Amino acid sequence: MHLTIDEVRHVAELAKLRLSEAELALYAEQLSAILEYAASLQQVDTSHVAPTPYVLPLVNVMAVDAPAPSLDNDTALRNAPDQAEGFFRVRAVFEE
């Protein structure tokens, strides 16, 4: 499947990307190659291959839940854009 420059421009606009004409041409070529490769994979006969939901063994990857010291208030607020009396100050969400 060959993508046109206009199709790539449309996708770039949806993704809010500003691309130059050179980038549009490059990405049209690269994305077309990816789609052609994906289409060639669709032609592979996999009827003799059993469905494989997981290619790696399932293991629990959660970290140990160990208590650790938390940030002190001054450190937590150090980069806050707005703070007051030791708290983060944010714009009101609901008007009363």
C-alpha atoms as a PDB file:
ATOM      1  CA  MET A   1       0.000   0.000   0.000  1.00  0.00           C
ATOM      2  CA  HIS A   2       1.491   3.305  -1.050  1.00  0.00           C
ATOM      3  CA  LEU A   3       0.594   6.381   0.984  1.00  0.00           C
ATOM      4  CA  THR A   4       0.310   9.716  -0.726  1.00  0.00           C
ATOM      5  CA  ILE A   5       1.806  12.927   0.627  1.00  0.00           C
ATOM      6  CA  ASP A   6      -1.741  14.173   1.302  1.00  0.00           C
ATOM      7  CA  GLU A   7      -2.528  11.093   3.413  1.00  0.00           C
ATOM      8  CA  VAL A   8       0.646  11.586   5.456  1.00  0.00           C
ATOM      9  CA  ARG A   9      -0.166  15.299   5.807  1.00  0.00           C
ATOM     10  CA  HIS A  10      -3.650  14.363   7.080  1.00  0.00           C
ATOM     11  CA  VAL A  11      -2.226  11.934   9.662  1.00  0.00           C
ATOM     12  CA  ALA A  12       0.319  14.558  10.737  1.00  0.00           C
ATOM     13  CA  GLU A  13      -2.470  17.092  11.228  1.00  0.00           C
ATOM     14  CA  LEU A  14      -4.430  14.596  13.344  1.00  0.00           C
ATOM     15  CA  ALA A  15      -1.322  14.057  15.468  1.00  0.00           C
ATOM     16  CA  LYS A  16      -0.740  17.835  15.626  1.00  0.00           C
ATOM     17  CA  LEU A  17       2.684  17.485  13.966  1.00  0.00           C
ATOM     18  CA  ARG A  18       4.234  20.205  11.831  1.00  0.00           C
ATOM     19  CA  LEU A  19       6.208  18.476   9.094  1.00  0.00           C
ATOM     20  CA  SER A  20       8.222  20.012   6.302  1.00  0.00           C
ATOM     21  CA  GLU A  21       7.699  18.913   2.704  1.00  0.00           C
ATOM     22  CA  ALA A  22      10.915  16.877   2.900  1.00  0.00           C
ATOM     23  CA  GLU A  23       9.694  15.124   6.055  1.00  0.00           C
ATOM     24  CA  LEU A  24       6.318  14.429   4.464  1.00  0.00           C
ATOM     25  CA  ALA A  25       8.011  12.770   1.493  1.00  0.00           C
ATOM     26  CA  LEU A  26      10.338  10.775   3.746  1.00  0.00           C
ATOM     27  CA  TYR A  27       7.541   9.598   6.021  1.00  0.00           C
ATOM     28  CA  ALA A  28       5.317   8.706   3.075  1.00  0.00           C
ATOM     29  CA  GLU A  29       8.083   6.413   1.822  1.00  0.00           C
ATOM     30  CA  GLN A  30       8.838   4.914   5.240  1.00  0.00           C
ATOM     31  CA  LEU A  31       5.195   4.406   6.256  1.00  0.00           C
ATOM     32  CA  SER A  32       4.413   2.860   2.873  1.00  0.00           C
ATOM     33  CA  ALA A  33       7.270   0.379   3.374  1.00  0.00           C
ATOM     34  CA  ILE A  34       5.918  -0.527   6.819  1.00  0.00           C
ATOM     35  CA  LEU A  35       2.407  -1.084   5.461  1.00  0.00           C
ATOM     36  CA  GLU A  36       3.739  -3.184   2.576  1.00  0.00           C
ATOM     37  CA  TYR A  37       5.704  -5.337   5.020  1.00  0.00           C
ATOM     38  CA  ALA A  38       2.617  -5.777   7.214  1.00  0.00           C
ATOM     39  CA  ALA A  39       0.637  -6.789   4.123  1.00  0.00           C
ATOM     40  CA  SER A  40       3.280  -9.382   3.236  1.00  0.00           C
ATOM     41  CA  LEU A  41       2.989 -10.829   6.746  1.00  0.00           C
ATOM     42  CA  GLN A  42      -0.746 -11.300   6.147  1.00  0.00           C
ATOM     43  CA  GLN A  43       0.149 -13.711   3.317  1.00  0.00           C
ATOM     44  CA  VAL A  44       2.035 -16.109   5.619  1.00  0.00           C
ATOM     45  CA  ASP A  45       0.217 -19.404   6.182  1.00  0.00           C
ATOM     46  CA  THR A  46      -0.214 -19.791   9.941  1.00  0.00           C
ATOM     47  CA  SER A  47      -2.961 -22.425   9.817  1.00  0.00           C
ATOM     48  CA  HIS A  48      -0.603 -25.050  11.280  1.00  0.00           C
ATOM     49  CA  VAL A  49       0.525 -22.809  14.170  1.00  0.00           C
ATOM     50  CA  ALA A  50      -1.381 -23.057  17.424  1.00  0.00           C
ATOM     51  CA  PRO A  51      -2.687 -19.771  18.851  1.00  0.00           C
ATOM     52  CA  THR A  52      -0.166 -18.283  21.240  1.00  0.00           C
ATOM     53  CA  PRO A  53      -1.616 -15.755  23.664  1.00  0.00           C
ATOM     54  CA  TYR A  54       1.752 -15.241  25.400  1.00  0.00           C
ATOM     55  CA  VAL A  55       5.199 -15.799  23.932  1.00  0.00           C
ATOM     56  CA  LEU A  56       6.920 -15.445  27.296  1.00  0.00           C
ATOM     57  CA  PRO A  57       6.060 -17.160  30.557  1.00  0.00           C
ATOM     58  CA  LEU A  58       3.774 -15.196  32.845  1.00  0.00           C
ATOM     59  CA  VAL A  59       5.477 -13.916  35.983  1.00  0.00           C
ATOM     60  CA  ASN A  60       4.576 -11.406  38.615  1.00  0.00           C
ATOM     61  CA  VAL A  61       6.651  -8.283  37.944  1.00  0.00           C
ATOM     62  CA  MET A  62       5.478  -6.228  40.874  1.00  0.00           C
ATOM     63  CA  ALA A  63       8.090  -4.701  43.153  1.00  0.00           C
ATOM     64  CA  VAL A  64       8.221  -5.479  46.824  1.00  0.00           C
ATOM     65  CA  ASP A  65       5.969  -3.124  48.758  1.00  0.00           C
ATOM     66  CA  ALA A  66       8.405  -1.830  51.331  1.00  0.00           C
ATOM     67  CA  PRO A  67       7.922   1.314  53.394  1.00  0.00           C
ATOM     68  CA  ALA A  68      10.270   4.167  52.543  1.00  0.00           C
ATOM     69  CA  PRO A  69      10.572   7.742  53.734  1.00  0.00           C
ATOM     70  CA  SER A  70       8.444  10.203  51.819  1.00  0.00           C
ATOM     71  CA  LEU A  71       9.364  13.692  50.653  1.00  0.00           C
ATOM     72  CA  ASP A  72       9.340  16.445  53.194  1.00  0.00           C
ATOM     73  CA  ASN A  73       6.924  19.291  52.503  1.00  0.00           C
ATOM     74  CA  ASP A  74       9.583  21.782  51.345  1.00  0.00           C
ATOM     75  CA  THR A  75      11.017  19.316  48.811  1.00  0.00           C
ATOM     76  CA  ALA A  76       7.573  18.429  47.490  1.00  0.00           C
ATOM     77  CA  LEU A  77       6.686  22.084  46.970  1.00  0.00           C
ATOM     78  CA  ARG A  78      10.089  23.161  45.616  1.00  0.00           C
ATOM     79  CA  ASN A  79       9.009  23.195  41.924  1.00  0.00           C
ATOM     80  CA  ALA A  80       5.336  23.957  42.467  1.00  0.00           C
ATOM     81  CA  PRO A  81       4.169  26.727  40.140  1.00  0.00           C
ATOM     82  CA  ASP A  82       1.934  28.117  42.894  1.00  0.00           C
ATOM     83  CA  GLN A  83       1.795  27.353  46.597  1.00  0.00           C
ATOM     84  CA  ALA A  84       0.233  28.802  49.701  1.00  0.00           C
ATOM     85  CA  GLU A  85       0.721  28.001  53.378  1.00  0.00           C
ATOM     86  CA  GLY A  86       2.542  24.737  52.669  1.00  0.00           C
ATOM     87  CA  PHE A  87       0.052  23.431  50.088  1.00  0.00           C
ATOM     88  CA  PHE A  88      -0.155  23.314  46.301  1.00  0.00           C
ATOM     89  CA  ARG A  89      -2.479  26.019  45.063  1.00  0.00           C
ATOM     90  CA  VAL A  90      -4.535  25.113  41.977  1.00  0.00           C
ATOM     91  CA  ARG A  91      -7.208  26.846  39.971  1.00  0.00           C
ATOM     92  CA  ALA A  92     -10.747  26.138  41.176  1.00  0.00           C
ATOM     93  CA  VAL A  93     -12.526  23.470  39.173  1.00  0.00           C
ATOM     94  CA  PHE A  94     -16.056  24.193  40.299  1.00  0.00           C
ATOM     95  CA  GLU A  95     -17.517  27.610  40.802  1.00  0.00           C
ATOM     96  CA  GLU A  96     -19.765  28.150  43.765  1.00  0.00           C
END
